PDB file of N, CA and C in Angstrom:
ATOM      1  N   MET A   1      43.338 -54.243  37.710  1.00  0.00           N
ATOM      2  CA  MET A   1      44.176 -55.441  38.361  1.00  0.00           C
ATOM      3  C   MET A   1      43.285 -56.176  39.189  1.00  0.00           C
ATOM      4  N   ILE A   2      43.636 -57.535  39.391  1.00  0.00           N
ATOM      5  CA  ILE A   2      42.987 -58.387  40.216  1.00  0.00           C
ATOM      6  C   ILE A   2      44.072 -59.204  40.954  1.00  0.00           C
ATOM      7  N   VAL A   3      43.823 -59.576  42.190  1.00  0.00           N
ATOM      8  CA  VAL A   3      44.729 -60.315  43.045  1.00  0.00           C
ATOM      9  C   VAL A   3      44.187 -61.800  43.250  1.00  0.00           C
ATOM     10  N   GLU A   4      44.974 -62.700  42.886  1.00  0.00           N
ATOM     11  CA  GLU A   4      44.541 -64.168  43.166  1.00  0.00           C
ATOM     12  C   GLU A   4      45.316 -64.442  44.417  1.00  0.00           C
ATOM     13  N   TYR A   5      44.587 -65.142  45.326  1.00  0.00           N
ATOM     14  CA  TYR A   5      45.147 -65.743  46.601  1.00  0.00           C
ATOM     15  C   TYR A   5      44.924 -67.251  46.561  1.00  0.00           C
ATOM     16  N   LEU A   6      46.003 -67.934  46.843  1.00  0.00           N
ATOM     17  CA  LEU A   6      46.003 -69.526  46.797  1.00  0.00           C
ATOM     18  C   LEU A   6      46.457 -69.803  48.172  1.00  0.00           C
ATOM     19  N   ARG A   7      45.703 -70.462  48.969  1.00  0.00           N
ATOM     20  CA  ARG A   7      46.008 -71.120  50.323  1.00  0.00           C
ATOM     21  C   ARG A   7      46.277 -72.493  50.264  1.00  0.00           C
ATOM     22  N   TYR A   8      47.416 -72.827  50.673  1.00  0.00           N
ATOM     23  CA  TYR A   8      47.879 -74.361  50.662  1.00  0.00           C
ATOM     24  C   TYR A   8      48.151 -74.750  52.183  1.00  0.00           C
ATOM     25  N   THR A   9      47.906 -76.023  52.318  1.00  0.00           N
ATOM     26  CA  THR A   9      48.301 -76.751  53.531  1.00  0.00           C
ATOM     27  C   THR A   9      49.325 -77.897  53.052  1.00  0.00           C
ATOM     28  N   ILE A  10      50.530 -77.618  53.450  1.00  0.00           N
ATOM     29  CA  ILE A  10      51.481 -78.590  53.031  1.00  0.00           C
ATOM     30  C   ILE A  10      52.318 -79.354  54.123  1.00  0.00           C
ATOM     31  N   ASP A  11      52.243 -80.689  54.054  1.00  0.00           N
ATOM     32  CA  ASP A  11      52.918 -81.536  55.149  1.00  0.00           C
ATOM     33  C   ASP A  11      54.350 -81.203  55.188  1.00  0.00           C
ATOM     34  N   PRO A  12      54.825 -81.143  56.444  1.00  0.00           N
ATOM     35  CA  PRO A  12      56.304 -80.709  56.593  1.00  0.00           C
ATOM     36  C   PRO A  12      57.216 -81.436  55.710  1.00  0.00           C
ATOM     37  N   ALA A  13      57.009 -82.754  55.410  1.00  0.00           N
ATOM     38  CA  ALA A  13      57.931 -83.484  54.803  1.00  0.00           C
ATOM     39  C   ALA A  13      58.073 -83.009  53.276  1.00  0.00           C
ATOM     40  N   ARG A  14      57.014 -82.311  52.789  1.00  0.00           N
ATOM     41  CA  ARG A  14      56.957 -81.913  51.428  1.00  0.00           C
ATOM     42  C   ARG A  14      57.373 -80.296  51.315  1.00  0.00           C
ATOM     43  N   GLN A  15      57.437 -79.715  52.350  1.00  0.00           N
ATOM     44  CA  GLN A  15      57.545 -78.163  52.271  1.00  0.00           C
ATOM     45  C   GLN A  15      58.703 -77.786  51.505  1.00  0.00           C
ATOM     46  N   ALA A  16      59.976 -78.386  51.689  1.00  0.00           N
ATOM     47  CA  ALA A  16      61.121 -77.922  50.951  1.00  0.00           C
ATOM     48  C   ALA A  16      60.923 -78.089  49.363  1.00  0.00           C
ATOM     49  N   ALA A  17      60.287 -79.118  48.960  1.00  0.00           N
ATOM     50  CA  ALA A  17      60.055 -79.435  47.616  1.00  0.00           C
ATOM     51  C   ALA A  17      59.041 -78.321  47.089  1.00  0.00           C
ATOM     52  N   PHE A  18      57.960 -78.108  47.936  1.00  0.00           N
ATOM     53  CA  PHE A  18      56.971 -77.149  47.474  1.00  0.00           C
ATOM     54  C   PHE A  18      57.616 -75.812  47.337  1.00  0.00           C
ATOM     55  N   ILE A  19      58.367 -75.384  48.172  1.00  0.00           N
ATOM     56  CA  ILE A  19      59.045 -74.070  48.082  1.00  0.00           C
ATOM     57  C   ILE A  19      59.941 -74.024  46.876  1.00  0.00           C
ATOM     58  N   ALA A  20      60.697 -75.047  46.642  1.00  0.00           N
ATOM     59  CA  ALA A  20      61.621 -75.072  45.421  1.00  0.00           C
ATOM     60  C   ALA A  20      60.830 -75.101  44.232  1.00  0.00           C
ATOM     61  N   ASP A  21      59.797 -75.932  44.203  1.00  0.00           N
ATOM     62  CA  ASP A  21      58.895 -75.971  42.969  1.00  0.00           C
ATOM     63  C   ASP A  21      58.284 -74.659  42.611  1.00  0.00           C
ATOM     64  N   TYR A  22      57.739 -73.945  43.635  1.00  0.00           N
ATOM     65  CA  TYR A  22      57.247 -72.720  43.306  1.00  0.00           C
ATOM     66  C   TYR A  22      58.152 -71.620  43.000  1.00  0.00           C
ATOM     67  N   THR A  23      59.380 -71.737  43.653  1.00  0.00           N
ATOM     68  CA  THR A  23      60.446 -70.849  43.289  1.00  0.00           C
ATOM     69  C   THR A  23      60.718 -70.987  41.675  1.00  0.00           C
ATOM     70  N   ALA A  24      60.879 -72.248  41.264  1.00  0.00           N
ATOM     71  CA  ALA A  24      61.124 -72.575  39.830  1.00  0.00           C
ATOM     72  C   ALA A  24      59.805 -72.093  38.960  1.00  0.00           C
ATOM     73  N   ALA A  25      58.695 -72.391  39.459  1.00  0.00           N
ATOM     74  CA  ALA A  25      57.452 -71.945  38.692  1.00  0.00           C
ATOM     75  C   ALA A  25      57.293 -70.448  38.596  1.00  0.00           C
ATOM     76  N   ALA A  26      57.868 -69.623  39.360  1.00  0.00           N
ATOM     77  CA  ALA A  26      57.833 -68.224  39.329  1.00  0.00           C
ATOM     78  C   ALA A  26      58.379 -67.663  38.135  1.00  0.00           C
ATOM     79  N   GLU A  27      59.539 -68.370  37.531  1.00  0.00           N
ATOM     80  CA  GLU A  27      60.090 -67.905  36.365  1.00  0.00           C
ATOM     81  C   GLU A  27      59.226 -67.853  35.155  1.00  0.00           C
ATOM     82  N   PRO A  28      58.669 -69.048  34.865  1.00  0.00           N
ATOM     83  CA  PRO A  28      57.729 -68.935  33.662  1.00  0.00           C
ATOM     84  C   PRO A  28      56.334 -68.015  33.955  1.00  0.00           C
ATOM     85  N   LEU A  29      56.048 -68.061  35.168  1.00  0.00           N
ATOM     86  CA  LEU A  29      54.859 -67.243  35.518  1.00  0.00           C
ATOM     87  C   LEU A  29      55.197 -65.756  35.203  1.00  0.00           C
ATOM     88  N   MET A  30      56.268 -65.199  35.643  1.00  0.00           N
ATOM     89  CA  MET A  30      56.593 -63.878  35.442  1.00  0.00           C
ATOM     90  C   MET A  30      56.963 -63.445  34.042  1.00  0.00           C
ATOM     91  N   THR A  31      57.103 -64.399  33.089  1.00  0.00           N
ATOM     92  CA  THR A  31      57.320 -64.113  31.758  1.00  0.00           C
ATOM     93  C   THR A  31      56.066 -63.779  31.082  1.00  0.00           C
ATOM     94  N   SER A  32      54.908 -64.104  31.640  1.00  0.00           N
ATOM     95  CA  SER A  32      53.596 -63.802  31.074  1.00  0.00           C
ATOM     96  C   SER A  32      53.327 -62.331  31.161  1.00  0.00           C
ATOM     97  N   PRO A  33      52.792 -61.777  30.105  1.00  0.00           N
ATOM     98  CA  PRO A  33      52.429 -60.252  30.273  1.00  0.00           C
ATOM     99  C   PRO A  33      51.239 -59.991  30.938  1.00  0.00           C
ATOM    100  N   HIS A  34      50.458 -61.161  31.494  1.00  0.00           N
ATOM    101  CA  HIS A  34      49.311 -60.936  32.393  1.00  0.00           C
ATOM    102  C   HIS A  34      49.652 -60.905  33.820  1.00  0.00           C
ATOM    103  N   ALA A  35      50.856 -61.500  34.176  1.00  0.00           N
ATOM    104  CA  ALA A  35      51.322 -61.536  35.545  1.00  0.00           C
ATOM    105  C   ALA A  35      52.052 -60.341  35.949  1.00  0.00           C
ATOM    106  N   VAL A  36      51.546 -59.611  37.017  1.00  0.00           N
ATOM    107  CA  VAL A  36      52.112 -58.337  37.596  1.00  0.00           C
ATOM    108  C   VAL A  36      53.190 -58.569  38.690  1.00  0.00           C
ATOM    109  N   SER A  37      52.765 -59.442  39.624  1.00  0.00           N
ATOM    110  CA  SER A  37      53.638 -59.780  40.716  1.00  0.00           C
ATOM    111  C   SER A  37      53.323 -61.129  41.366  1.00  0.00           C
ATOM    112  N   PHE A  38      54.242 -61.611  42.124  1.00  0.00           N
ATOM    113  CA  PHE A  38      53.921 -62.850  42.776  1.00  0.00           C
ATOM    114  C   PHE A  38      54.766 -62.939  44.047  1.00  0.00           C
ATOM    115  N   ASP A  39      54.214 -63.531  45.089  1.00  0.00           N
ATOM    116  CA  ASP A  39      54.894 -63.746  46.317  1.00  0.00           C
ATOM    117  C   ASP A  39      54.225 -64.829  47.012  1.00  0.00           C
ATOM    118  N   MET A  40      55.154 -65.517  48.073  1.00  0.00           N
ATOM    119  CA  MET A  40      54.685 -66.652  48.793  1.00  0.00           C
ATOM    120  C   MET A  40      54.981 -66.344  50.174  1.00  0.00           C
ATOM    121  N   CYS A  41      54.058 -66.708  51.056  1.00  0.00           N
ATOM    122  CA  CYS A  41      54.354 -66.505  52.530  1.00  0.00           C
ATOM    123  C   CYS A  41      54.037 -67.829  53.294  1.00  0.00           C
ATOM    124  N   GLN A  42      54.637 -68.078  54.340  1.00  0.00           N
ATOM    125  CA  GLN A  42      54.548 -69.128  55.116  1.00  0.00           C
ATOM    126  C   GLN A  42      54.001 -68.678  56.505  1.00  0.00           C
ATOM    127  N   CYS A  43      53.037 -69.236  57.004  1.00  0.00           N
ATOM    128  CA  CYS A  43      52.404 -68.919  58.340  1.00  0.00           C
ATOM    129  C   CYS A  43      53.379 -69.048  59.390  1.00  0.00           C
ATOM    130  N   ALA A  44      53.612 -68.080  60.304  1.00  0.00           N
ATOM    131  CA  ALA A  44      54.416 -68.180  61.454  1.00  0.00           C
ATOM    132  C   ALA A  44      53.970 -69.070  62.516  1.00  0.00           C
ATOM    133  N   GLU A  45      52.654 -69.013  62.700  1.00  0.00           N
ATOM    134  CA  GLU A  45      51.925 -69.639  63.751  1.00  0.00           C
ATOM    135  C   GLU A  45      51.664 -71.102  63.303  1.00  0.00           C
ATOM    136  N   GLU A  46      51.382 -71.319  62.031  1.00  0.00           N
ATOM    137  CA  GLU A  46      50.996 -72.638  61.541  1.00  0.00           C
ATOM    138  C   GLU A  46      51.908 -72.889  60.246  1.00  0.00           C
ATOM    139  N   PRO A  47      53.251 -73.422  60.487  1.00  0.00           N
ATOM    140  CA  PRO A  47      54.122 -73.557  59.295  1.00  0.00           C
ATOM    141  C   PRO A  47      53.675 -74.369  58.137  1.00  0.00           C
ATOM    142  N   SER A  48      52.582 -75.197  58.383  1.00  0.00           N
ATOM    143  CA  SER A  48      52.132 -75.969  57.262  1.00  0.00           C
ATOM    144  C   SER A  48      51.244 -75.153  56.260  1.00  0.00           C
ATOM    145  N   GLU A  49      50.816 -73.918  56.689  1.00  0.00           N
ATOM    146  CA  GLU A  49      49.941 -73.012  55.893  1.00  0.00           C
ATOM    147  C   GLU A  49      50.864 -72.074  55.078  1.00  0.00           C
ATOM    148  N   PHE A  50      50.527 -71.900  53.833  1.00  0.00           N
ATOM    149  CA  PHE A  50      51.147 -71.118  52.935  1.00  0.00           C
ATOM    150  C   PHE A  50      50.046 -70.301  52.126  1.00  0.00           C
ATOM    151  N   ILE A  51      50.517 -69.019  51.847  1.00  0.00           N
ATOM    152  CA  ILE A  51      49.638 -68.154  51.065  1.00  0.00           C
ATOM    153  C   ILE A  51      50.407 -67.700  49.823  1.00  0.00           C
ATOM    154  N   LEU A  52      49.959 -67.904  48.711  1.00  0.00           N
ATOM    155  CA  LEU A  52      50.522 -67.295  47.396  1.00  0.00           C
ATOM    156  C   LEU A  52      49.663 -66.204  46.927  1.00  0.00           C
ATOM    157  N   ARG A  53      50.279 -65.264  46.470  1.00  0.00           N
ATOM    158  CA  ARG A  53      49.530 -63.920  45.963  1.00  0.00           C
ATOM    159  C   ARG A  53      50.109 -63.718  44.636  1.00  0.00           C
ATOM    160  N   ILE A  54      49.229 -63.576  43.605  1.00  0.00           N
ATOM    161  CA  ILE A  54      49.559 -63.319  42.362  1.00  0.00           C
ATOM    162  C   ILE A  54      48.690 -62.124  41.918  1.00  0.00           C
ATOM    163  N   GLU A  55      49.363 -61.048  41.457  1.00  0.00           N
ATOM    164  CA  GLU A  55      48.530 -59.979  40.807  1.00  0.00           C
ATOM    165  C   GLU A  55      48.490 -60.075  39.323  1.00  0.00           C
ATOM    166  N   TRP A  56      47.381 -60.129  38.811  1.00  0.00           N
ATOM    167  CA  TRP A  56      47.140 -60.188  37.403  1.00  0.00           C
ATOM    168  C   TRP A  56      46.623 -59.018  36.790  1.00  0.00           C
ATOM    169  N   THR A  57      46.821 -58.754  35.449  1.00  0.00           N
ATOM    170  CA  THR A  57      46.242 -57.599  34.807  1.00  0.00           C
ATOM    171  C   THR A  57      44.766 -57.627  34.948  1.00  0.00           C
ATOM    172  N   SER A  58      44.087 -58.807  34.810  1.00  0.00           N
ATOM    173  CA  SER A  58      42.647 -58.834  35.049  1.00  0.00           C
ATOM    174  C   SER A  58      42.481 -60.373  35.258  1.00  0.00           C
ATOM    175  N   ALA A  59      41.184 -60.707  35.723  1.00  0.00           N
ATOM    176  CA  ALA A  59      40.785 -62.072  35.945  1.00  0.00           C
ATOM    177  C   ALA A  59      40.737 -62.756  34.603  1.00  0.00           C
ATOM    178  N   GLU A  60      40.215 -62.099  33.559  1.00  0.00           N
ATOM    179  CA  GLU A  60      40.011 -62.669  32.252  1.00  0.00           C
ATOM    180  C   GLU A  60      41.467 -62.870  31.732  1.00  0.00           C
ATOM    181  N   ASP A  61      42.374 -62.026  31.795  1.00  0.00           N
ATOM    182  CA  ASP A  61      43.716 -62.267  31.413  1.00  0.00           C
ATOM    183  C   ASP A  61      44.283 -63.476  32.044  1.00  0.00           C
ATOM    184  N   HIS A  62      44.074 -63.668  33.215  1.00  0.00           N
ATOM    185  CA  HIS A  62      44.593 -64.800  33.921  1.00  0.00           C
ATOM    186  C   HIS A  62      43.980 -66.093  33.442  1.00  0.00           C
ATOM    187  N   LEU A  63      42.586 -66.125  33.426  1.00  0.00           N
ATOM    188  CA  LEU A  63      41.849 -67.384  33.093  1.00  0.00           C
ATOM    189  C   LEU A  63      41.896 -67.725  31.642  1.00  0.00           C
ATOM    190  N   GLN A  64      41.921 -66.749  30.741  1.00  0.00           N
ATOM    191  CA  GLN A  64      41.900 -66.988  29.329  1.00  0.00           C
ATOM    192  C   GLN A  64      43.226 -66.704  28.645  1.00  0.00           C
ATOM    193  N   GLY A  65      43.898 -65.756  29.032  1.00  0.00           N
ATOM    194  CA  GLY A  65      45.236 -65.384  28.373  1.00  0.00           C
ATOM    195  C   GLY A  65      46.337 -66.364  28.981  1.00  0.00           C
ATOM    196  N   PHE A  66      46.503 -66.385  30.183  1.00  0.00           N
ATOM    197  CA  PHE A  66      47.648 -67.087  30.870  1.00  0.00           C
ATOM    198  C   PHE A  66      47.417 -68.611  30.764  1.00  0.00           C
ATOM    199  N   ARG A  67      46.311 -69.076  31.117  1.00  0.00           N
ATOM    200  CA  ARG A  67      46.087 -70.523  31.248  1.00  0.00           C
ATOM    201  C   ARG A  67      46.086 -71.202  29.716  1.00  0.00           C
ATOM    202  N   GLY A  68      45.960 -70.559  28.734  1.00  0.00           N
ATOM    203  CA  GLY A  68      46.143 -71.099  27.380  1.00  0.00           C
ATOM    204  C   GLY A  68      47.580 -70.855  26.826  1.00  0.00           C
ATOM    205  N   SER A  69      48.476 -70.356  27.564  1.00  0.00           N
ATOM    206  CA  SER A  69      49.824 -70.006  27.053  1.00  0.00           C
ATOM    207  C   SER A  69      50.907 -70.952  27.365  1.00  0.00           C
ATOM    208  N   ALA A  70      51.997 -70.882  26.666  1.00  0.00           N
ATOM    209  CA  ALA A  70      53.189 -71.718  26.847  1.00  0.00           C
ATOM    210  C   ALA A  70      53.804 -71.451  28.316  1.00  0.00           C
ATOM    211  N   PRO A  71      53.906 -70.189  28.833  1.00  0.00           N
ATOM    212  CA  PRO A  71      54.259 -69.989  30.238  1.00  0.00           C
ATOM    213  C   PRO A  71      53.384 -70.808  31.238  1.00  0.00           C
ATOM    214  N   PHE A  72      52.120 -70.886  31.034  1.00  0.00           N
ATOM    215  CA  PHE A  72      51.197 -71.623  31.898  1.00  0.00           C
ATOM    216  C   PHE A  72      51.736 -73.112  31.972  1.00  0.00           C
ATOM    217  N   LYS A  73      51.901 -73.678  30.698  1.00  0.00           N
ATOM    218  CA  LYS A  73      52.307 -75.151  30.732  1.00  0.00           C
ATOM    219  C   LYS A  73      53.558 -75.322  31.583  1.00  0.00           C
ATOM    220  N   ALA A  74      54.574 -74.498  31.337  1.00  0.00           N
ATOM    221  CA  ALA A  74      55.838 -74.585  32.164  1.00  0.00           C
ATOM    222  C   ALA A  74      55.465 -74.386  33.634  1.00  0.00           C
ATOM    223  N   PHE A  75      54.784 -73.387  33.953  1.00  0.00           N
ATOM    224  CA  PHE A  75      54.314 -73.111  35.399  1.00  0.00           C
ATOM    225  C   PHE A  75      53.616 -74.251  36.027  1.00  0.00           C
ATOM    226  N   PHE A  76      52.552 -74.870  35.200  1.00  0.00           N
ATOM    227  CA  PHE A  76      51.904 -75.920  35.822  1.00  0.00           C
ATOM    228  C   PHE A  76      52.644 -77.141  36.005  1.00  0.00           C
ATOM    229  N   ALA A  77      53.614 -77.419  35.137  1.00  0.00           N
ATOM    230  CA  ALA A  77      54.487 -78.573  35.299  1.00  0.00           C
ATOM    231  C   ALA A  77      55.132 -78.615  36.760  1.00  0.00           C
ATOM    232  N   HIS A  78      55.426 -77.487  37.319  1.00  0.00           N
ATOM    233  CA  HIS A  78      56.099 -77.314  38.654  1.00  0.00           C
ATOM    234  C   HIS A  78      55.107 -77.591  39.636  1.00  0.00           C
ATOM    235  N   ILE A  79      53.926 -77.009  39.565  1.00  0.00           N
ATOM    236  CA  ILE A  79      52.972 -76.934  40.625  1.00  0.00           C
ATOM    237  C   ILE A  79      51.923 -78.027  40.769  1.00  0.00           C
ATOM    238  N   LYS A  80      51.793 -78.725  39.653  1.00  0.00           N
ATOM    239  CA  LYS A  80      50.749 -79.849  39.606  1.00  0.00           C
ATOM    240  C   LYS A  80      50.605 -80.852  40.741  1.00  0.00           C
ATOM    241  N   PRO A  81      51.854 -81.130  41.324  1.00  0.00           N
ATOM    242  CA  PRO A  81      51.836 -82.169  42.428  1.00  0.00           C
ATOM    243  C   PRO A  81      51.105 -81.577  43.638  1.00  0.00           C
ATOM    244  N   TYR A  82      50.785 -80.271  43.744  1.00  0.00           N
ATOM    245  CA  TYR A  82      50.270 -79.603  44.887  1.00  0.00           C
ATOM    246  C   TYR A  82      48.773 -79.259  44.739  1.00  0.00           C
ATOM    247  N   LEU A  83      48.222 -79.609  43.686  1.00  0.00           N
ATOM    248  CA  LEU A  83      46.802 -79.312  43.375  1.00  0.00           C
ATOM    249  C   LEU A  83      45.888 -79.720  44.543  1.00  0.00           C
ATOM    250  N   LYS A  84      46.054 -80.958  44.989  1.00  0.00           N
ATOM    251  CA  LYS A  84      45.160 -81.422  46.045  1.00  0.00           C
ATOM    252  C   LYS A  84      45.317 -80.744  47.404  1.00  0.00           C
ATOM    253  N   ASP A  85      46.517 -80.050  47.520  1.00  0.00           N
ATOM    254  CA  ASP A  85      46.748 -79.274  48.871  1.00  0.00           C
ATOM    255  C   ASP A  85      46.149 -77.903  48.841  1.00  0.00           C
ATOM    256  N   ILE A  86      45.354 -77.492  47.773  1.00  0.00           N
ATOM    257  CA  ILE A  86      44.859 -76.163  47.839  1.00  0.00           C
ATOM    258  C   ILE A  86      43.610 -76.098  48.657  1.00  0.00           C
ATOM    259  N   GLN A  87      43.654 -75.177  49.607  1.00  0.00           N
ATOM    260  CA  GLN A  87      42.447 -74.909  50.432  1.00  0.00           C
ATOM    261  C   GLN A  87      41.506 -73.841  49.816  1.00  0.00           C
ATOM    262  N   GLU A  88      42.140 -72.936  49.244  1.00  0.00           N
ATOM    263  CA  GLU A  88      41.410 -71.758  48.696  1.00  0.00           C
ATOM    264  C   GLU A  88      42.067 -71.287  47.344  1.00  0.00           C
ATOM    265  N   MET A  89      41.486 -70.987  46.346  1.00  0.00           N
ATOM    266  CA  MET A  89      41.971 -70.233  45.155  1.00  0.00           C
ATOM    267  C   MET A  89      40.914 -69.436  44.608  1.00  0.00           C
ATOM    268  N   ARG A  90      41.178 -68.074  44.841  1.00  0.00           N
ATOM    269  CA  ARG A  90      40.104 -67.085  44.422  1.00  0.00           C
ATOM    270  C   ARG A  90      40.781 -65.846  43.954  1.00  0.00           C
ATOM    271  N   HIS A  91      39.946 -65.021  43.263  1.00  0.00           N
ATOM    272  CA  HIS A  91      40.360 -63.674  42.789  1.00  0.00           C
ATOM    273  C   HIS A  91      39.598 -62.658  43.810  1.00  0.00           C
ATOM    274  N   TYR A  92      40.506 -61.586  44.041  1.00  0.00           N
ATOM    275  CA  TYR A  92      40.004 -60.579  44.913  1.00  0.00           C
ATOM    276  C   TYR A  92      40.342 -59.204  44.332  1.00  0.00           C
ATOM    277  N   GLU A  93      39.365 -58.266  44.360  1.00  0.00           N
ATOM    278  CA  GLU A  93      39.479 -57.016  44.020  1.00  0.00           C
ATOM    279  C   GLU A  93      40.036 -56.145  45.060  1.00  0.00           C
ATOM    280  N   ARG A  94      41.127 -55.328  44.742  1.00  0.00           N
ATOM    281  CA  ARG A  94      41.667 -54.433  45.757  1.00  0.00           C
ATOM    282  C   ARG A  94      40.802 -53.260  45.966  1.00  0.00           C
ATOM    283  N   LEU A  95      40.523 -52.957  47.226  1.00  0.00           N
ATOM    284  CA  LEU A  95      39.663 -51.826  47.575  1.00  0.00           C
ATOM    285  C   LEU A  95      40.419 -50.750  48.219  1.00  0.00           C
ATOM    286  N   VAL A  96      41.358 -51.108  49.124  1.00  0.00           N
ATOM    287  CA  VAL A  96      42.170 -50.035  49.795  1.00  0.00           C
ATOM    288  C   VAL A  96      43.684 -50.465  49.700  1.00  0.00           C
ATOM    289  N   SER A  97      44.525 -49.587  49.422  1.00  0.00           N
ATOM    290  CA  SER A  97      45.955 -49.797  49.450  1.00  0.00           C
ATOM    291  C   SER A  97      46.689 -48.717  50.072  1.00  0.00           C
ATOM    292  N   ALA A  98      47.803 -48.991  50.744  1.00  0.00           N
ATOM    293  CA  ALA A  98      48.523 -47.815  51.281  1.00  0.00           C
ATOM    294  C   ALA A  98      49.922 -47.968  50.926  1.00  0.00           C
TER     295      ALA A  98
END
């Protein structure tokens, strides 16, 4: 399993739409056999900062399986307006879990 973290900075005027769009995007995302889990958090100290966490079966499944699929097209339609707001988008390997 691999964990993808996406860090966004979203202007306050766009935050409600951002949250609504990612809520809608979660549906096609989670229909993919490659997506294990998804969550979104908003920073308490800096409310314009958001972290999305997606667990994938593997980085290859994400990049080659999901990105070429129909669920990706539906997912991407929701999140496309926020691509320029991404500050970080990387895969991380879990080392310790409690």
